């Protein structure tokens, strides 16, 4: 396995939290109006970009089991 970032526990927790938030937002999106859906989509995109940034700090496939 490759080198882990210095604060890997915090990043790992953050990754899990963001992933869970995306799941919650996707469920919430089903019962929302068009205006709310746009806002929810923006949040999801922000969370996904943060997840992508976190993944780049870790060895390849580190989060595949999560």
N, C-alpha and C. Protein backbone atom coordinates (compact mmCIF):
# COMPACT_ATOMS: atom_id res chain seq x y z
N UNK A 1 0.85 -1.17 0.00
CA UNK A 1 0.00 0.00 0.00
C UNK A 1 0.89 1.23 0.00
N UNK A 2 0.42 2.29 -0.64
CA UNK A 2 1.18 3.52 -0.74
C UNK A 2 1.16 4.32 0.56
N UNK A 3 1.78 5.47 0.51
CA UNK A 3 1.88 6.37 1.65
C UNK A 3 0.53 7.01 1.96
N UNK A 4 0.14 7.01 3.22
CA UNK A 4 -1.11 7.64 3.63
C UNK A 4 -0.84 9.09 4.04
N UNK A 5 -1.81 9.99 3.84
CA UNK A 5 -1.62 11.38 4.26
C UNK A 5 -1.45 11.48 5.76
N UNK A 6 -0.85 12.57 6.20
CA UNK A 6 -0.56 12.76 7.61
C UNK A 6 -1.82 12.66 8.48
N UNK A 7 -2.91 13.27 8.06
CA UNK A 7 -4.15 13.28 8.84
C UNK A 7 -5.19 12.33 8.23
N UNK A 8 -4.75 11.14 7.89
CA UNK A 8 -5.65 10.24 7.16
C UNK A 8 -6.91 9.87 7.92
N UNK A 9 -6.92 9.73 9.26
CA UNK A 9 -8.20 9.39 9.91
C UNK A 9 -9.28 10.46 9.67
N UNK A 10 -8.87 11.73 9.76
CA UNK A 10 -9.82 12.82 9.55
C UNK A 10 -10.35 12.82 8.12
N UNK A 11 -9.47 12.60 7.15
CA UNK A 11 -9.89 12.58 5.76
C UNK A 11 -10.78 11.37 5.47
N UNK A 12 -10.48 10.27 6.10
CA UNK A 12 -11.29 9.07 5.93
C UNK A 12 -12.70 9.29 6.46
N UNK A 13 -12.81 9.90 7.62
CA UNK A 13 -14.10 10.22 8.22
C UNK A 13 -14.85 11.22 7.34
N UNK A 14 -14.14 12.20 6.85
CA UNK A 14 -14.75 13.20 5.99
C UNK A 14 -15.28 12.56 4.71
N UNK A 15 -14.53 11.63 4.15
CA UNK A 15 -14.96 10.91 2.94
C UNK A 15 -16.27 10.17 3.21
N UNK A 16 -16.32 9.45 4.31
CA UNK A 16 -17.53 8.68 4.65
C UNK A 16 -18.72 9.61 4.87
N UNK A 17 -18.49 10.72 5.57
CA UNK A 17 -19.55 11.67 5.85
C UNK A 17 -20.09 12.27 4.56
N UNK A 18 -19.21 12.69 3.67
CA UNK A 18 -19.64 13.27 2.39
C UNK A 18 -20.40 12.24 1.55
N UNK A 19 -19.92 11.02 1.54
CA UNK A 19 -20.60 9.96 0.79
C UNK A 19 -22.01 9.74 1.32
N UNK A 20 -22.15 9.72 2.63
CA UNK A 20 -23.47 9.55 3.23
C UNK A 20 -24.37 10.75 2.93
N UNK A 21 -23.82 11.95 2.96
CA UNK A 21 -24.61 13.14 2.66
C UNK A 21 -25.13 13.10 1.22
N UNK A 22 -24.32 12.62 0.31
CA UNK A 22 -24.75 12.51 -1.09
C UNK A 22 -25.93 11.55 -1.19
N UNK A 23 -25.87 10.44 -0.48
CA UNK A 23 -26.98 9.48 -0.49
C UNK A 23 -28.26 10.11 0.05
N UNK A 24 -28.14 10.85 1.16
CA UNK A 24 -29.30 11.52 1.76
C UNK A 24 -29.87 12.56 0.80
N UNK A 25 -29.00 13.34 0.17
CA UNK A 25 -29.47 14.36 -0.76
C UNK A 25 -30.15 13.76 -1.98
N UNK A 26 -29.63 12.64 -2.47
CA UNK A 26 -30.26 11.98 -3.62
C UNK A 26 -31.67 11.51 -3.27
N UNK A 27 -31.86 11.00 -2.04
CA UNK A 27 -33.19 10.58 -1.61
C UNK A 27 -34.11 11.79 -1.45
N UNK A 28 -33.57 12.87 -0.89
CA UNK A 28 -34.36 14.08 -0.68
C UNK A 28 -34.77 14.72 -2.00
N UNK A 29 -33.94 14.54 -3.01
CA UNK A 29 -34.19 15.13 -4.32
C UNK A 29 -35.45 14.56 -4.95
N UNK A 30 -35.80 13.33 -4.64
CA UNK A 30 -36.97 12.67 -5.22
C UNK A 30 -38.28 13.39 -4.89
N UNK A 31 -38.35 14.01 -3.72
CA UNK A 31 -39.59 14.65 -3.27
C UNK A 31 -39.47 16.17 -3.24
N UNK A 32 -38.63 16.75 -4.07
CA UNK A 32 -38.38 18.18 -4.04
C UNK A 32 -38.89 18.88 -5.28
N UNK A 33 -39.07 20.18 -5.15
CA UNK A 33 -39.48 21.00 -6.30
C UNK A 33 -38.28 21.25 -7.20
N UNK A 34 -38.53 21.82 -8.37
CA UNK A 34 -37.45 22.06 -9.35
C UNK A 34 -36.38 22.99 -8.78
N UNK A 35 -36.79 24.03 -8.06
CA UNK A 35 -35.82 24.97 -7.48
C UNK A 35 -34.96 24.27 -6.43
N UNK A 36 -35.59 23.44 -5.61
CA UNK A 36 -34.84 22.71 -4.59
C UNK A 36 -33.91 21.69 -5.22
N UNK A 37 -34.34 21.08 -6.30
CA UNK A 37 -33.50 20.09 -6.98
C UNK A 37 -32.21 20.73 -7.49
N UNK A 38 -32.30 21.93 -8.03
CA UNK A 38 -31.10 22.63 -8.50
C UNK A 38 -30.13 22.89 -7.36
N UNK A 39 -30.68 23.32 -6.22
CA UNK A 39 -29.85 23.58 -5.03
C UNK A 39 -29.21 22.29 -4.53
N UNK A 40 -29.99 21.23 -4.49
CA UNK A 40 -29.49 19.93 -4.03
C UNK A 40 -28.40 19.43 -4.98
N UNK A 41 -28.62 19.56 -6.29
CA UNK A 41 -27.61 19.14 -7.27
C UNK A 41 -26.29 19.89 -7.08
N UNK A 42 -26.39 21.17 -6.78
CA UNK A 42 -25.18 21.97 -6.55
C UNK A 42 -24.41 21.45 -5.34
N UNK A 43 -25.14 21.14 -4.27
CA UNK A 43 -24.50 20.58 -3.08
C UNK A 43 -23.84 19.24 -3.39
N UNK A 44 -24.54 18.40 -4.15
CA UNK A 44 -24.00 17.09 -4.50
C UNK A 44 -22.72 17.26 -5.31
N UNK A 45 -22.71 18.17 -6.26
CA UNK A 45 -21.51 18.41 -7.07
C UNK A 45 -20.36 18.91 -6.21
N UNK A 46 -20.65 19.79 -5.25
CA UNK A 46 -19.60 20.28 -4.35
C UNK A 46 -19.03 19.13 -3.51
N UNK A 47 -19.91 18.28 -3.00
CA UNK A 47 -19.46 17.15 -2.20
C UNK A 47 -18.63 16.18 -3.04
N UNK A 48 -19.06 15.94 -4.28
CA UNK A 48 -18.32 15.04 -5.15
C UNK A 48 -16.94 15.59 -5.48
N UNK A 49 -16.82 16.89 -5.67
CA UNK A 49 -15.51 17.47 -5.96
C UNK A 49 -14.60 17.36 -4.74
N UNK A 50 -15.17 17.51 -3.55
CA UNK A 50 -14.38 17.36 -2.32
C UNK A 50 -13.94 15.90 -2.14
N UNK A 51 -14.83 14.97 -2.44
CA UNK A 51 -14.49 13.54 -2.38
C UNK A 51 -13.35 13.24 -3.36
N UNK A 52 -13.43 13.81 -4.54
CA UNK A 52 -12.40 13.59 -5.54
C UNK A 52 -11.04 14.11 -5.05
N UNK A 53 -11.07 15.27 -4.41
CA UNK A 53 -9.83 15.86 -3.87
C UNK A 53 -9.25 14.96 -2.78
N UNK A 54 -10.11 14.42 -1.93
CA UNK A 54 -9.66 13.53 -0.85
C UNK A 54 -9.08 12.25 -1.44
N UNK A 55 -9.75 11.67 -2.44
CA UNK A 55 -9.28 10.43 -3.06
C UNK A 55 -7.88 10.59 -3.64
N UNK A 56 -7.57 11.76 -4.17
CA UNK A 56 -6.26 12.00 -4.78
C UNK A 56 -5.13 11.97 -3.76
N UNK A 57 -5.45 12.18 -2.48
CA UNK A 57 -4.44 12.17 -1.42
C UNK A 57 -4.05 10.76 -1.00
N UNK A 58 -4.91 9.80 -1.30
CA UNK A 58 -4.73 8.43 -0.84
C UNK A 58 -4.25 7.52 -1.96
N UNK A 59 -3.71 6.37 -1.60
CA UNK A 59 -3.32 5.39 -2.61
C UNK A 59 -4.53 4.97 -3.44
N UNK A 60 -4.28 4.55 -4.66
CA UNK A 60 -5.35 4.14 -5.56
C UNK A 60 -6.16 3.01 -4.93
N UNK A 61 -7.47 3.05 -5.10
CA UNK A 61 -8.42 2.05 -4.60
C UNK A 61 -8.52 1.98 -3.07
N UNK A 62 -8.04 2.99 -2.36
CA UNK A 62 -8.09 2.99 -0.90
C UNK A 62 -9.52 2.97 -0.39
N UNK A 63 -10.42 3.71 -1.05
CA UNK A 63 -11.79 3.83 -0.58
C UNK A 63 -12.75 2.87 -1.26
N UNK A 64 -12.26 1.95 -2.04
CA UNK A 64 -13.14 1.01 -2.75
C UNK A 64 -13.91 0.10 -1.81
N UNK A 65 -13.37 -0.19 -0.63
CA UNK A 65 -14.03 -1.07 0.33
C UNK A 65 -15.09 -0.34 1.15
N UNK A 66 -15.05 0.97 1.12
CA UNK A 66 -15.94 1.79 1.97
C UNK A 66 -17.27 1.98 1.30
